[in-house]
């Protein structure tokens, strides 16, 4: 009987402690959505790099020729941008991995 009472008490405490944190959804920011929209258009040009100048989008290829995309414009500020997992370069390592995308060692790797 004591074991059953301890089990019920333990289950009650786990239920109360486990449900105390409120769940919430974080909506994507407008700039992130705009970057995703532009990246879809730029990757159709077989590149993952682009430059924004005065609202016009210039895909950057290795061949040296750059022409703006005529069909779309953007509200992103003037700068150079990349599409893809470049933001994950210094991210923590996934389970079972011992190197990051930039080939540096993870902090927990042995």
Protein backbone atom coordinates (compact mmCIF):
# COMPACT_ATOMS: atom_id res chain seq x y z
CA UNK A 1 0.00 0.00 0.00
CA UNK A 2 2.89 2.34 0.78
CA UNK A 3 4.40 1.71 -2.65
CA UNK A 4 1.10 2.51 -4.36
CA UNK A 5 0.73 5.72 -2.33
CA UNK A 6 4.32 6.76 -3.15
CA UNK A 7 3.70 6.00 -6.84
CA UNK A 8 0.52 8.09 -6.97
CA UNK A 9 2.24 10.95 -5.11
CA UNK A 10 5.22 10.82 -7.48
CA UNK A 11 2.95 10.79 -10.53
CA UNK A 12 1.00 13.77 -9.15
CA UNK A 13 4.20 15.76 -8.55
CA UNK A 14 5.51 15.00 -12.04
CA UNK A 15 2.20 16.04 -13.58
CA UNK A 16 2.10 19.34 -11.68
CA UNK A 17 5.77 20.16 -12.36
CA UNK A 18 5.64 19.07 -16.00
CA UNK A 19 2.63 21.19 -16.92
CA UNK A 20 3.74 24.39 -15.23
CA UNK A 21 5.45 25.90 -18.28
CA UNK A 22 3.19 27.66 -20.73
CA UNK A 23 3.60 26.76 -24.38
CA UNK A 24 3.63 29.53 -26.96
CA UNK A 25 4.13 29.87 -30.68
CA UNK A 26 6.66 32.37 -31.98
CA UNK A 27 5.57 33.87 -35.28
CA UNK A 28 8.22 34.51 -37.96
CA UNK A 29 9.35 38.10 -38.26
CA UNK A 30 8.45 40.05 -41.38
CA UNK A 31 12.08 40.48 -42.43
CA UNK A 32 12.64 36.70 -42.21
CA UNK A 33 9.60 36.04 -44.39
CA UNK A 34 10.80 38.61 -46.93
CA UNK A 35 14.25 36.99 -47.00
CA UNK A 36 12.66 33.56 -47.63
CA UNK A 37 10.55 34.99 -50.46
CA UNK A 38 13.58 36.57 -52.12
CA UNK A 39 15.67 33.41 -51.62
CA UNK A 40 13.09 31.36 -53.52
CA UNK A 41 13.45 33.70 -56.49
CA UNK A 42 17.25 33.82 -56.27
CA UNK A 43 17.71 30.03 -56.04
CA UNK A 44 15.76 29.75 -59.29
CA UNK A 45 18.77 31.55 -60.81
CA UNK A 46 21.06 28.70 -59.60
CA UNK A 47 22.81 30.72 -56.90
CA UNK A 48 22.47 31.23 -53.18
CA UNK A 49 24.00 34.71 -52.97
CA UNK A 50 22.40 38.01 -53.85
CA UNK A 51 22.79 41.72 -53.36
CA UNK A 52 20.08 44.30 -52.73
CA UNK A 53 20.61 47.80 -54.05
CA UNK A 54 17.80 50.39 -53.93
CA UNK A 55 15.16 47.66 -53.68
CA UNK A 56 16.42 45.73 -56.71
CA UNK A 57 17.71 42.18 -56.32
CA UNK A 58 20.95 41.16 -58.04
CA UNK A 59 21.77 37.42 -57.94
CA UNK A 60 25.54 36.92 -57.66
CA UNK A 61 27.02 34.20 -59.85
CA UNK A 62 30.64 33.18 -60.23
CA UNK A 63 30.64 34.09 -63.93
CA UNK A 64 30.85 37.81 -63.11
CA UNK A 65 27.69 38.95 -64.93
CA UNK A 66 25.00 40.42 -62.70
CA UNK A 67 21.56 41.56 -63.80
CA UNK A 68 18.70 42.49 -61.51
CA UNK A 69 15.59 40.36 -61.23
CA UNK A 70 12.97 42.39 -63.06
CA UNK A 71 9.87 40.58 -61.80
CA UNK A 72 10.29 41.28 -58.07
CA UNK A 73 11.64 43.94 -55.75
CA UNK A 74 12.23 43.93 -52.01
CA UNK A 75 12.07 46.04 -48.89
CA UNK A 76 15.29 44.55 -47.46
CA UNK A 77 18.03 47.04 -46.69
CA UNK A 78 20.92 47.44 -49.13
CA UNK A 79 23.47 44.70 -48.41
CA UNK A 80 24.74 41.30 -49.55
CA UNK A 81 22.75 38.22 -48.47
CA UNK A 82 23.11 34.44 -48.49
CA UNK A 83 20.39 31.80 -48.74
CA UNK A 84 20.75 28.48 -46.96
CA UNK A 85 22.12 27.08 -43.70
CA UNK A 86 24.85 29.70 -43.23
CA UNK A 87 23.22 30.86 -39.97
CA UNK A 88 23.74 27.39 -38.50
CA UNK A 89 27.52 27.56 -38.87
CA UNK A 90 28.13 28.15 -35.16
CA UNK A 91 25.04 26.33 -33.92
CA UNK A 92 25.29 23.62 -31.29
CA UNK A 93 25.97 20.15 -32.65
CA UNK A 94 23.18 17.69 -33.30
CA UNK A 95 22.96 14.46 -31.38
CA UNK A 96 25.52 12.00 -32.64
CA UNK A 97 27.59 14.63 -34.47
CA UNK A 98 31.04 15.75 -33.37
CA UNK A 99 31.68 18.50 -35.95
CA UNK A 100 29.79 21.63 -37.01
CA UNK A 101 29.12 22.76 -40.59
CA UNK A 102 32.36 24.76 -40.56
CA UNK A 103 34.23 21.56 -39.50
CA UNK A 104 35.08 22.90 -36.03
CA UNK A 105 34.84 20.48 -33.11
CA UNK A 106 31.83 20.50 -30.82
CA UNK A 107 32.30 21.42 -27.20
CA UNK A 108 31.10 18.03 -25.95
CA UNK A 109 33.00 15.89 -28.47
CA UNK A 110 35.64 13.60 -27.04
